[in-house]
Amino acid sequence: VENTLANMHFDAVYLGADAIDPASGLSTFNEDEAHQNTAMIQVSRRVVVLADSTKFRAPGLHRFCEIERIHTIITDTGLGDDVVAAIEARGVAVHRVEPIEETAK
């Protein structure tokens, strides 16, 4: 995967992560996933992270992206103002959106 991606170019990559830390960035517990995410980030102009507020906790085992490399994080309104401020202070835009409530079927 890494060799194939090395010959490509993307305007944006949209990623998730097992953990997001304002100081150390994105990480995962899966080493292969970390390598693949790193390869995608390296060939992308912008990095957009989609993650719910529960992902903002202690870093996972395999870090794959520094926080400053991220352009935008989209999360839910459960993310605290202190975490948002810490991330925005590093130059990352954070957008919190209201979760959509599921309707009974």
PDB file of N, CA and C in Angstrom:
ATOM      1  N   VAL A   1       0.830  -1.194   0.000  1.00  0.00           N
ATOM      2  CA  VAL A   1       0.000   0.000   0.000  1.00  0.00           C
ATOM      3  C   VAL A   1       0.872   1.255   0.000  1.00  0.00           C
ATOM      4  N   GLU A   2       1.882   1.268   0.835  1.00  0.00           N
ATOM      5  CA  GLU A   2       2.741   2.449   0.925  1.00  0.00           C
ATOM      6  C   GLU A   2       3.432   2.737  -0.407  1.00  0.00           C
ATOM      7  N   ASN A   3       3.899   1.695  -1.101  1.00  0.00           N
ATOM      8  CA  ASN A   3       4.565   1.887  -2.394  1.00  0.00           C
ATOM      9  C   ASN A   3       3.608   2.440  -3.436  1.00  0.00           C
ATOM     10  N   THR A   4       2.398   1.956  -3.467  1.00  0.00           N
ATOM     11  CA  THR A   4       1.401   2.444  -4.418  1.00  0.00           C
ATOM     12  C   THR A   4       1.058   3.899  -4.131  1.00  0.00           C
ATOM     13  N   LEU A   5       0.826   4.231  -2.870  1.00  0.00           N
ATOM     14  CA  LEU A   5       0.469   5.601  -2.499  1.00  0.00           C
ATOM     15  C   LEU A   5       1.599   6.587  -2.769  1.00  0.00           C
ATOM     16  N   ALA A   6       2.833   6.155  -2.709  1.00  0.00           N
ATOM     17  CA  ALA A   6       3.968   7.047  -2.924  1.00  0.00           C
ATOM     18  C   ALA A   6       3.946   7.686  -4.306  1.00  0.00           C
ATOM     19  N   ASN A   7       3.259   7.083  -5.252  1.00  0.00           N
ATOM     20  CA  ASN A   7       3.181   7.608  -6.618  1.00  0.00           C
ATOM     21  C   ASN A   7       1.893   8.381  -6.882  1.00  0.00           C
ATOM     22  N   MET A   8       1.152   8.703  -5.847  1.00  0.00           N
ATOM     23  CA  MET A   8      -0.127   9.399  -5.997  1.00  0.00           C
ATOM     24  C   MET A   8      -0.062  10.762  -5.329  1.00  0.00           C
ATOM     25  N   HIS A   9      -1.088  11.567  -5.609  1.00  0.00           N
ATOM     26  CA  HIS A   9      -1.235  12.877  -4.967  1.00  0.00           C
ATOM     27  C   HIS A   9      -2.717  13.124  -4.729  1.00  0.00           C
ATOM     28  N   PHE A  10      -3.065  13.579  -3.527  1.00  0.00           N
ATOM     29  CA  PHE A  10      -4.451  13.861  -3.174  1.00  0.00           C
ATOM     30  C   PHE A  10      -4.570  15.291  -2.650  1.00  0.00           C
ATOM     31  N   ASP A  11      -5.674  15.940  -2.981  1.00  0.00           N
ATOM     32  CA  ASP A  11      -5.929  17.263  -2.421  1.00  0.00           C
ATOM     33  C   ASP A  11      -6.209  17.170  -0.929  1.00  0.00           C
ATOM     34  N   ALA A  12      -6.943  16.131  -0.525  1.00  0.00           N
ATOM     35  CA  ALA A  12      -7.285  15.976   0.885  1.00  0.00           C
ATOM     36  C   ALA A  12      -7.409  14.503   1.230  1.00  0.00           C
ATOM     37  N   VAL A  13      -7.058  14.193   2.453  1.00  0.00           N
ATOM     38  CA  VAL A  13      -7.286  12.865   3.001  1.00  0.00           C
ATOM     39  C   VAL A  13      -8.171  13.054   4.231  1.00  0.00           C
ATOM     40  N   TYR A  14      -9.162  12.184   4.362  1.00  0.00           N
ATOM     41  CA  TYR A  14     -10.080  12.203   5.495  1.00  0.00           C
ATOM     42  C   TYR A  14      -9.788  10.971   6.333  1.00  0.00           C
ATOM     43  N   LEU A  15      -9.432  11.204   7.600  1.00  0.00           N
ATOM     44  CA  LEU A  15      -8.996  10.125   8.471  1.00  0.00           C
ATOM     45  C   LEU A  15      -9.736  10.109   9.789  1.00  0.00           C
ATOM     46  N   GLY A  16      -9.716   8.962  10.406  1.00  0.00           N
ATOM     47  CA  GLY A  16     -10.113   8.809  11.795  1.00  0.00           C
ATOM     48  C   GLY A  16      -8.863   8.425  12.569  1.00  0.00           C
ATOM     49  N   ALA A  17      -8.994   8.228  13.866  1.00  0.00           N
ATOM     50  CA  ALA A  17      -7.869   7.809  14.691  1.00  0.00           C
ATOM     51  C   ALA A  17      -8.417   7.131  15.936  1.00  0.00           C
ATOM     52  N   ASP A  18      -7.622   6.257  16.509  1.00  0.00           N
ATOM     53  CA  ASP A  18      -8.018   5.640  17.775  1.00  0.00           C
ATOM     54  C   ASP A  18      -7.906   6.639  18.912  1.00  0.00           C
ATOM     55  N   ALA A  19      -6.945   7.561  18.778  1.00  0.00           N
ATOM     56  CA  ALA A  19      -6.729   8.565  19.820  1.00  0.00           C
ATOM     57  C   ALA A  19      -6.184   9.840  19.206  1.00  0.00           C
ATOM     58  N   ILE A  20      -6.613  10.967  19.780  1.00  0.00           N
ATOM     59  CA  ILE A  20      -6.132  12.283  19.351  1.00  0.00           C
ATOM     60  C   ILE A  20      -5.698  13.033  20.595  1.00  0.00           C
ATOM     61  N   ASP A  21      -4.471  13.511  20.567  1.00  0.00           N
ATOM     62  CA  ASP A  21      -3.924  14.249  21.691  1.00  0.00           C
ATOM     63  C   ASP A  21      -3.444  15.610  21.195  1.00  0.00           C
ATOM     64  N   PRO A  22      -3.848  16.701  21.851  1.00  0.00           N
ATOM     65  CA  PRO A  22      -3.444  18.030  21.389  1.00  0.00           C
ATOM     66  C   PRO A  22      -1.935  18.219  21.287  1.00  0.00           C
ATOM     67  N   ALA A  23      -1.176  17.508  22.079  1.00  0.00           N
ATOM     68  CA  ALA A  23       0.285  17.655  22.048  1.00  0.00           C
ATOM     69  C   ALA A  23       0.954  16.689  21.068  1.00  0.00           C
ATOM     70  N   SER A  24       0.504  15.439  21.051  1.00  0.00           N
ATOM     71  CA  SER A  24       1.235  14.451  20.251  1.00  0.00           C
ATOM     72  C   SER A  24       0.552  14.059  18.954  1.00  0.00           C
ATOM     73  N   GLY A  25      -0.679  14.461  18.718  1.00  0.00           N
ATOM     74  CA  GLY A  25      -1.327  14.211  17.439  1.00  0.00           C
ATOM     75  C   GLY A  25      -2.166  12.952  17.389  1.00  0.00           C
ATOM     76  N   LEU A  26      -2.198  12.335  16.198  1.00  0.00           N
ATOM     77  CA  LEU A  26      -3.053  11.174  15.942  1.00  0.00           C
ATOM     78  C   LEU A  26      -2.285   9.884  16.179  1.00  0.00           C
ATOM     79  N   SER A  27      -2.984   8.893  16.732  1.00  0.00           N
ATOM     80  CA  SER A  27      -2.352   7.596  16.932  1.00  0.00           C
ATOM     81  C   SER A  27      -3.385   6.486  16.836  1.00  0.00           C
ATOM     82  N   THR A  28      -2.857   5.276  16.693  1.00  0.00           N
ATOM     83  CA  THR A  28      -3.687   4.087  16.576  1.00  0.00           C
ATOM     84  C   THR A  28      -3.007   2.946  17.316  1.00  0.00           C
ATOM     85  N   PHE A  29      -3.751   1.899  17.572  1.00  0.00           N
ATOM     86  CA  PHE A  29      -3.176   0.731  18.226  1.00  0.00           C
ATOM     87  C   PHE A  29      -2.727  -0.311  17.206  1.00  0.00           C
ATOM     88  N   ASN A  30      -3.002  -0.065  15.917  1.00  0.00           N
ATOM     89  CA  ASN A  30      -2.676  -1.001  14.855  1.00  0.00           C
ATOM     90  C   ASN A  30      -1.484  -0.472  14.055  1.00  0.00           C
ATOM     91  N   GLU A  31      -0.376  -1.190  14.087  1.00  0.00           N
ATOM     92  CA  GLU A  31       0.838  -0.726  13.419  1.00  0.00           C
ATOM     93  C   GLU A  31       0.673  -0.605  11.905  1.00  0.00           C
ATOM     94  N   ASP A  32       0.021  -1.573  11.263  1.00  0.00           N
ATOM     95  CA  ASP A  32      -0.191  -1.509   9.815  1.00  0.00           C
ATOM     96  C   ASP A  32      -1.022  -0.287   9.433  1.00  0.00           C
ATOM     97  N   GLU A  33      -2.062  -0.021  10.212  1.00  0.00           N
ATOM     98  CA  GLU A  33      -2.900   1.149   9.956  1.00  0.00           C
ATOM     99  C   GLU A  33      -2.087   2.435  10.077  1.00  0.00           C
ATOM    100  N   ALA A  34      -1.205   2.493  11.048  1.00  0.00           N
ATOM    101  CA  ALA A  34      -0.355   3.677  11.227  1.00  0.00           C
ATOM    102  C   ALA A  34       0.521   3.903  10.001  1.00  0.00           C
ATOM    103  N   HIS A  35       1.114   2.847   9.461  1.00  0.00           N
ATOM    104  CA  HIS A  35       1.959   2.973   8.264  1.00  0.00           C
ATOM    105  C   HIS A  35       1.144   3.447   7.059  1.00  0.00           C
ATOM    106  N   GLN A  36      -0.045   2.883   6.885  1.00  0.00           N
ATOM    107  CA  GLN A  36      -0.892   3.266   5.749  1.00  0.00           C
ATOM    108  C   GLN A  36      -1.380   4.703   5.884  1.00  0.00           C
ATOM    109  N   ASN A  37      -1.776   5.099   7.073  1.00  0.00           N
ATOM    110  CA  ASN A  37      -2.212   6.478   7.285  1.00  0.00           C
ATOM    111  C   ASN A  37      -1.074   7.463   7.034  1.00  0.00           C
ATOM    112  N   THR A  38       0.122   7.124   7.492  1.00  0.00           N
ATOM    113  CA  THR A  38       1.285   7.976   7.259  1.00  0.00           C
ATOM    114  C   THR A  38       1.529   8.157   5.767  1.00  0.00           C
ATOM    115  N   ALA A  39       1.423   7.070   5.016  1.00  0.00           N
ATOM    116  CA  ALA A  39       1.634   7.136   3.565  1.00  0.00           C
ATOM    117  C   ALA A  39       0.593   8.029   2.900  1.00  0.00           C
ATOM    118  N   MET A  40      -0.664   7.940   3.339  1.00  0.00           N
ATOM    119  CA  MET A  40      -1.716   8.788   2.765  1.00  0.00           C
ATOM    120  C   MET A  40      -1.497  10.258   3.110  1.00  0.00           C
ATOM    121  N   ILE A  41      -1.085  10.527   4.325  1.00  0.00           N
ATOM    122  CA  ILE A  41      -0.828  11.900   4.756  1.00  0.00           C
ATOM    123  C   ILE A  41       0.311  12.521   3.958  1.00  0.00           C
ATOM    124  N   GLN A  42       1.343  11.752   3.694  1.00  0.00           N
ATOM    125  CA  GLN A  42       2.515  12.264   2.987  1.00  0.00           C
ATOM    126  C   GLN A  42       2.204  12.707   1.560  1.00  0.00           C
ATOM    127  N   VAL A  43       1.174  12.144   0.945  1.00  0.00           N
ATOM    128  CA  VAL A  43       0.857  12.504  -0.441  1.00  0.00           C
ATOM    129  C   VAL A  43      -0.398  13.380  -0.536  1.00  0.00           C
ATOM    130  N   SER A  44      -0.819  13.939   0.581  1.00  0.00           N
ATOM    131  CA  SER A  44      -2.031  14.770   0.612  1.00  0.00           C
ATOM    132  C   SER A  44      -1.697  16.198   0.997  1.00  0.00           C
ATOM    133  N   ARG A  45      -2.375  17.116   0.345  1.00  0.00           N
ATOM    134  CA  ARG A  45      -2.174  18.532   0.639  1.00  0.00           C
ATOM    135  C   ARG A  45      -2.827  18.912   1.973  1.00  0.00           C
ATOM    136  N   ARG A  46      -4.039  18.395   2.223  1.00  0.00           N
ATOM    137  CA  ARG A  46      -4.774  18.722   3.453  1.00  0.00           C
ATOM    138  C   ARG A  46      -5.147  17.441   4.187  1.00  0.00           C
ATOM    139  N   VAL A  47      -5.154  17.531   5.514  1.00  0.00           N
ATOM    140  CA  VAL A  47      -5.563  16.412   6.357  1.00  0.00           C
ATOM    141  C   VAL A  47      -6.783  16.851   7.150  1.00  0.00           C
ATOM    142  N   VAL A  48      -7.881  16.114   6.978  1.00  0.00           N
ATOM    143  CA  VAL A  48      -9.122  16.381   7.699  1.00  0.00           C
ATOM    144  C   VAL A  48      -9.409  15.165   8.570  1.00  0.00           C
ATOM    145  N   VAL A  49      -9.643  15.403   9.844  1.00  0.00           N
ATOM    146  CA  VAL A  49      -9.896  14.316  10.785  1.00  0.00           C
ATOM    147  C   VAL A  49     -11.355  14.357  11.211  1.00  0.00           C
ATOM    148  N   LEU A  50     -12.007  13.199  11.116  1.00  0.00           N
ATOM    149  CA  LEU A  50     -13.389  13.033  11.557  1.00  0.00           C
ATOM    150  C   LEU A  50     -13.360  12.115  12.767  1.00  0.00           C
ATOM    151  N   ALA A  51     -13.748  12.635  13.931  1.00  0.00           N
ATOM    152  CA  ALA A  51     -13.668  11.827  15.148  1.00  0.00           C
ATOM    153  C   ALA A  51     -14.651  12.322  16.192  1.00  0.00           C
ATOM    154  N   ASP A  52     -15.288  11.391  16.872  1.00  0.00           N
ATOM    155  CA  ASP A  52     -16.174  11.814  17.956  1.00  0.00           C
ATOM    156  C   ASP A  52     -15.336  12.184  19.175  1.00  0.00           C
ATOM    157  N   SER A  53     -15.953  12.879  20.108  1.00  0.00           N
ATOM    158  CA  SER A  53     -15.226  13.451  21.240  1.00  0.00           C
ATOM    159  C   SER A  53     -14.581  12.400  22.146  1.00  0.00           C
ATOM    160  N   THR A  54     -15.010  11.152  22.084  1.00  0.00           N
ATOM    161  CA  THR A  54     -14.398  10.119  22.929  1.00  0.00           C
ATOM    162  C   THR A  54     -12.992   9.750  22.474  1.00  0.00           C
ATOM    163  N   LYS A  55     -12.587  10.160  21.290  1.00  0.00           N
ATOM    164  CA  LYS A  55     -11.260   9.830  20.764  1.00  0.00           C
ATOM    165  C   LYS A  55     -10.166  10.748  21.304  1.00  0.00           C
ATOM    166  N   PHE A  56     -10.561  11.813  21.984  1.00  0.00           N
ATOM    167  CA  PHE A  56      -9.600  12.779  22.503  1.00  0.00           C
ATOM    168  C   PHE A  56      -9.202  12.347  23.911  1.00  0.00           C
ATOM    169  N   ARG A  57      -8.175  11.514  23.950  1.00  0.00           N
ATOM    170  CA  ARG A  57      -7.717  10.942  25.208  1.00  0.00           C
ATOM    171  C   ARG A  57      -6.232  10.644  25.094  1.00  0.00           C
ATOM    172  N   ALA A  58      -5.718   9.837  25.981  1.00  0.00           N
ATOM    173  CA  ALA A  58      -4.295   9.484  25.954  1.00  0.00           C
ATOM    174  C   ALA A  58      -3.921   8.877  24.610  1.00  0.00           C
ATOM    175  N   PRO A  59      -2.730   9.166  24.121  1.00  0.00           N
ATOM    176  CA  PRO A  59      -2.315   8.652  22.816  1.00  0.00           C
ATOM    177  C   PRO A  59      -2.265   7.130  22.761  1.00  0.00           C
ATOM    178  N   GLY A  60      -2.482   6.599  21.554  1.00  0.00           N
ATOM    179  CA  GLY A  60      -2.347   5.173  21.310  1.00  0.00           C
ATOM    180  C   GLY A  60      -0.887   4.806  21.117  1.00  0.00           C
ATOM    181  N   LEU A  61      -0.639   3.574  20.826  1.00  0.00           N
ATOM    182  CA  LEU A  61       0.713   3.048  20.728  1.00  0.00           C
ATOM    183  C   LEU A  61       1.498   3.585  19.533  1.00  0.00           C
ATOM    184  N   HIS A  62       0.838   3.706  18.373  1.00  0.00           N
ATOM    185  CA  HIS A  62       1.539   4.081  17.137  1.00  0.00           C
ATOM    186  C   HIS A  62       1.095   5.463  16.657  1.00  0.00           C
ATOM    187  N   ARG A  63       1.945   6.459  16.859  1.00  0.00           N
ATOM    188  CA  ARG A  63       1.620   7.806  16.397  1.00  0.00           C
ATOM    189  C   ARG A  63       1.873   7.879  14.892  1.00  0.00           C
ATOM    190  N   PHE A  64       0.942   8.523  14.159  1.00  0.00           N
ATOM    191  CA  PHE A  64       1.126   8.604  12.711  1.00  0.00           C
ATOM    192  C   PHE A  64       0.953  10.002  12.144  1.00  0.00           C
ATOM    193  N   CYS A  65       0.623  10.994  12.959  1.00  0.00           N
ATOM    194  CA  CYS A  65       0.460  12.344  12.428  1.00  0.00           C
ATOM    195  C   CYS A  65       0.605  13.371  13.546  1.00  0.00           C
ATOM    196  N   GLU A  66       1.492  14.329  13.345  1.00  0.00           N
ATOM    197  CA  GLU A  66       1.620  15.424  14.295  1.00  0.00           C
ATOM    198  C   GLU A  66       0.402  16.328  14.190  1.00  0.00           C
ATOM    199  N   ILE A  67       0.021  16.932  15.274  1.00  0.00           N
ATOM    200  CA  ILE A  67      -1.190  17.765  15.296  1.00  0.00           C
ATOM    201  C   ILE A  67      -1.071  18.940  14.322  1.00  0.00           C
ATOM    202  N   GLU A  68       0.116  19.500  14.145  1.00  0.00           N
ATOM    203  CA  GLU A  68       0.297  20.642  13.252  1.00  0.00           C
ATOM    204  C   GLU A  68       0.103  20.283  11.780  1.00  0.00           C
ATOM    205  N   ARG A  69       0.148  19.021  11.434  1.00  0.00           N
ATOM    206  CA  ARG A  69      -0.048  18.588  10.044  1.00  0.00           C
ATOM    207  C   ARG A  69      -1.529  18.538   9.670  1.00  0.00           C
ATOM    208  N   ILE A  70      -2.397  18.565  10.677  1.00  0.00           N
ATOM    209  CA  ILE A  70      -3.844  18.509  10.454  1.00  0.00           C
ATOM    210  C   ILE A  70      -4.358  19.899  10.119  1.00  0.00           C
ATOM    211  N   HIS A  71      -5.250  19.976   9.142  1.00  0.00           N
ATOM    212  CA  HIS A  71      -5.860  21.251   8.786  1.00  0.00           C
ATOM    213  C   HIS A  71      -7.170  21.472   9.522  1.00  0.00           C
ATOM    214  N   THR A  72      -7.988  20.419   9.607  1.00  0.00           N
ATOM    215  CA  THR A  72      -9.315  20.554  10.195  1.00  0.00           C
ATOM    216  C   THR A  72      -9.689  19.298  10.968  1.00  0.00           C
ATOM    217  N   ILE A  73     -10.307  19.487  12.116  1.00  0.00           N
ATOM    218  CA  ILE A  73     -10.895  18.381  12.873  1.00  0.00           C
ATOM    219  C   ILE A  73     -12.388  18.649  12.977  1.00  0.00           C
ATOM    220  N   ILE A  74     -13.180  17.648  12.641  1.00  0.00           N
ATOM    221  CA  ILE A  74     -14.633  17.727  12.781  1.00  0.00           C
ATOM    222  C   ILE A  74     -15.033  16.708  13.839  1.00  0.00           C
ATOM    223  N   THR A  75     -15.707  17.187  14.874  1.00  0.00           N
ATOM    224  CA  THR A  75     -16.086  16.334  15.994  1.00  0.00           C
ATOM    225  C   THR A  75     -17.458  16.753  16.509  1.00  0.00           C
ATOM    226  N   ASP A  76     -17.889  16.141  17.584  1.00  0.00           N
ATOM    227  CA  ASP A  76     -19.193  16.483  18.158  1.00  0.00           C
ATOM    228  C   ASP A  76     -19.032  17.506  19.275  1.00  0.00           C
ATOM    229  N   THR A  77     -20.157  17.998  19.766  1.00  0.00           N
ATOM    230  CA  THR A  77     -20.155  19.053  20.780  1.00  0.00           C
ATOM    231  C   THR A  77     -19.750  18.560  22.166  1.00  0.00           C
ATOM    232  N   GLY A  78     -19.464  17.278  22.307  1.00  0.00           N
ATOM    233  CA  GLY A  78     -18.998  16.749  23.580  1.00  0.00           C
ATOM    234  C   GLY A  78     -17.557  17.093  23.887  1.00  0.00           C
ATOM    235  N   LEU A  79     -16.819  17.611  22.901  1.00  0.00           N
ATOM    236  CA  LEU A  79     -15.420  17.966  23.120  1.00  0.00           C
ATOM    237  C   LEU A  79     -15.336  19.271  23.904  1.00  0.00           C
ATOM    238  N   GLY A  80     -14.588  19.251  24.989  1.00  0.00           N
ATOM    239  CA  GLY A  80     -14.485  20.404  25.877  1.00  0.00           C
ATOM    240  C   GLY A  80     -13.751  21.595  25.269  1.00  0.00           C
ATOM    241  N   ASP A  81     -14.123  22.770  25.749  1.00  0.00           N
ATOM    242  CA  ASP A  81     -13.502  24.008  25.275  1.00  0.00           C
ATOM    243  C   ASP A  81     -11.997  24.023  25.501  1.00  0.00           C
ATOM    244  N   ASP A  82     -11.530  23.429  26.600  1.00  0.00           N
ATOM    245  CA  ASP A  82     -10.094  23.418  26.890  1.00  0.00           C
ATOM    246  C   ASP A  82      -9.311  22.630  25.843  1.00  0.00           C
ATOM    247  N   VAL A  83      -9.859  21.506  25.394  1.00  0.00           N
ATOM    248  CA  VAL A  83      -9.191  20.697  24.371  1.00  0.00           C
ATOM    249  C   VAL A  83      -9.222  21.421  23.035  1.00  0.00           C
ATOM    250  N   VAL A  84     -10.362  22.030  22.712  1.00  0.00           N
ATOM    251  CA  VAL A  84     -10.472  22.788  21.462  1.00  0.00           C
ATOM    252  C   VAL A  84      -9.445  23.921  21.450  1.00  0.00           C
ATOM    253  N   ALA A  85      -9.337  24.648  22.543  1.00  0.00           N
ATOM    254  CA  ALA A  85      -8.380  25.755  22.626  1.00  0.00           C
ATOM    255  C   ALA A  85      -6.946  25.270  22.452  1.00  0.00           C
ATOM    256  N   ALA A  86      -6.614  24.142  23.041  1.00  0.00           N
ATOM    257  CA  ALA A  86      -5.254  23.596  22.920  1.00  0.00           C
ATOM    258  C   ALA A  86      -4.944  23.204  21.478  1.00  0.00           C
ATOM    259  N   ILE A  87      -5.919  22.642  20.785  1.00  0.00           N
ATOM    260  CA  ILE A  87      -5.717  22.241  19.397  1.00  0.00           C
ATOM    261  C   ILE A  87      -5.647  23.468  18.487  1.00  0.00           C
ATOM    262  N   GLU A  88      -6.560  24.405  18.673  1.00  0.00           N
ATOM    263  CA  GLU A  88      -6.568  25.609  17.844  1.00  0.00           C
ATOM    264  C   GLU A  88      -5.305  26.439  18.044  1.00  0.00           C
ATOM    265  N   ALA A  89      -4.731  26.395  19.243  1.00  0.00           N
ATOM    266  CA  ALA A  89      -3.490  27.114  19.511  1.00  0.00           C
ATOM    267  C   ALA A  89      -2.336  26.577  18.672  1.00  0.00           C
ATOM    268  N   ARG A  90      -2.489  25.372  18.149  1.00  0.00           N
ATOM    269  CA  ARG A  90      -1.459  24.755  17.308  1.00  0.00           C
ATOM    270  C   ARG A  90      -1.773  24.929  15.823  1.00  0.00           C
ATOM    271  N   GLY A  91      -2.776  25.774  15.521  1.00  0.00           N
ATOM    272  CA  GLY A  91      -3.073  26.117  14.137  1.00  0.00           C
ATOM    273  C   GLY A  91      -4.060  25.212  13.430  1.00  0.00           C
ATOM    274  N   VAL A  92      -4.806  24.405  14.174  1.00  0.00           N
ATOM    275  CA  VAL A  92      -5.767  23.468  13.592  1.00  0.00           C
ATOM    276  C   VAL A  92      -7.179  24.011  13.796  1.00  0.00           C
ATOM    277  N   ALA A  93      -7.978  24.026  12.727  1.00  0.00           N
ATOM    278  CA  ALA A  93      -9.376  24.436  12.847  1.00  0.00           C
ATOM    279  C   ALA A  93     -10.186  23.283  13.423  1.00  0.00           C
ATOM    280  N   VAL A  94     -11.026  23.584  14.401  1.00  0.00           N
ATOM    281  CA  VAL A  94     -11.884  22.566  15.020  1.00  0.00           C
ATOM    282  C   VAL A  94     -13.335  22.982  14.826  1.00  0.00           C
ATOM    283  N   HIS A  95     -14.127  22.065  14.278  1.00  0.00           N
ATOM    284  CA  HIS A  95     -15.555  22.301  14.080  1.00  0.00           C
ATOM    285  C   HIS A  95     -16.328  21.277  14.897  1.00  0.00           C
ATOM    286  N   ARG A  96     -17.139  21.785  15.847  1.00  0.00           N
ATOM    287  CA  ARG A  96     -17.984  20.905  16.655  1.00  0.00           C
ATOM    288  C   ARG A  96     -19.411  20.993  16.128  1.00  0.00           C
ATOM    289  N   VAL A  97     -19.995  19.846  15.887  1.00  0.00           N
ATOM    290  CA  VAL A  97     -21.362  19.797  15.373  1.00  0.00           C
ATOM    291  C   VAL A  97     -22.226  18.964  16.296  1.00  0.00           C
ATOM    292  N   GLU A  98     -23.498  19.327  16.336  1.00  0.00           N
ATOM    293  CA  GLU A  98     -24.461  18.575  17.142  1.00  0.00           C
ATOM    294  C   GLU A  98     -24.672  17.200  16.540  1.00  0.00           C
ATOM    295  N   PRO A  99     -24.609  16.160  17.353  1.00  0.00           N
ATOM    296  CA  PRO A  99     -24.913  14.815  16.833  1.00  0.00           C
ATOM    297  C   PRO A  99     -26.382  14.731  16.414  1.00  0.00           C
ATOM    298  N   ILE A 100     -26.650  13.960  15.404  1.00  0.00           N
ATOM    299  CA  ILE A 100     -28.025  13.736  14.953  1.00  0.00           C
ATOM    300  C   ILE A 100     -28.624  12.631  15.800  1.00  0.00           C
ATOM    301  N   GLU A 101     -29.757  12.906  16.398  1.00  0.00           N
ATOM    302  CA  GLU A 101     -30.408  11.884  17.196  1.00  0.00           C
ATOM    303  C   GLU A 101     -31.085  10.880  16.284  1.00  0.00           C
ATOM    304  N   GLU A 102     -30.915   9.616  16.643  1.00  0.00           N
ATOM    305  CA  GLU A 102     -31.550   8.566  15.856  1.00  0.00           C
ATOM    306  C   GLU A 102     -33.038   8.562  16.162  1.00  0.00           C
ATOM    307  N   THR A 103     -33.822   8.352  15.133  1.00  0.00           N
ATOM    308  CA  THR A 103     -35.269   8.279  15.313  1.00  0.00           C
ATOM    309  C   THR A 103     -35.679   6.822  15.398  1.00  0.00           C
ATOM    310  N   ALA A 104     -36.670   6.566  16.187  1.00  0.00           N
ATOM    311  CA  ALA A 104     -37.180   5.188  16.328  1.00  0.00           C
ATOM    312  C   ALA A 104     -37.824   4.742  15.032  1.00  0.00           C
ATOM    313  N   LYS A 105     -37.598   3.519  14.665  1.00  0.00           N
ATOM    314  CA  LYS A 105     -38.176   2.988  13.435  1.00  0.00           C
ATOM    315  C   LYS A 105     -39.359   2.103  13.731  1.00  0.00           C
TER     316      LYS A 105
END
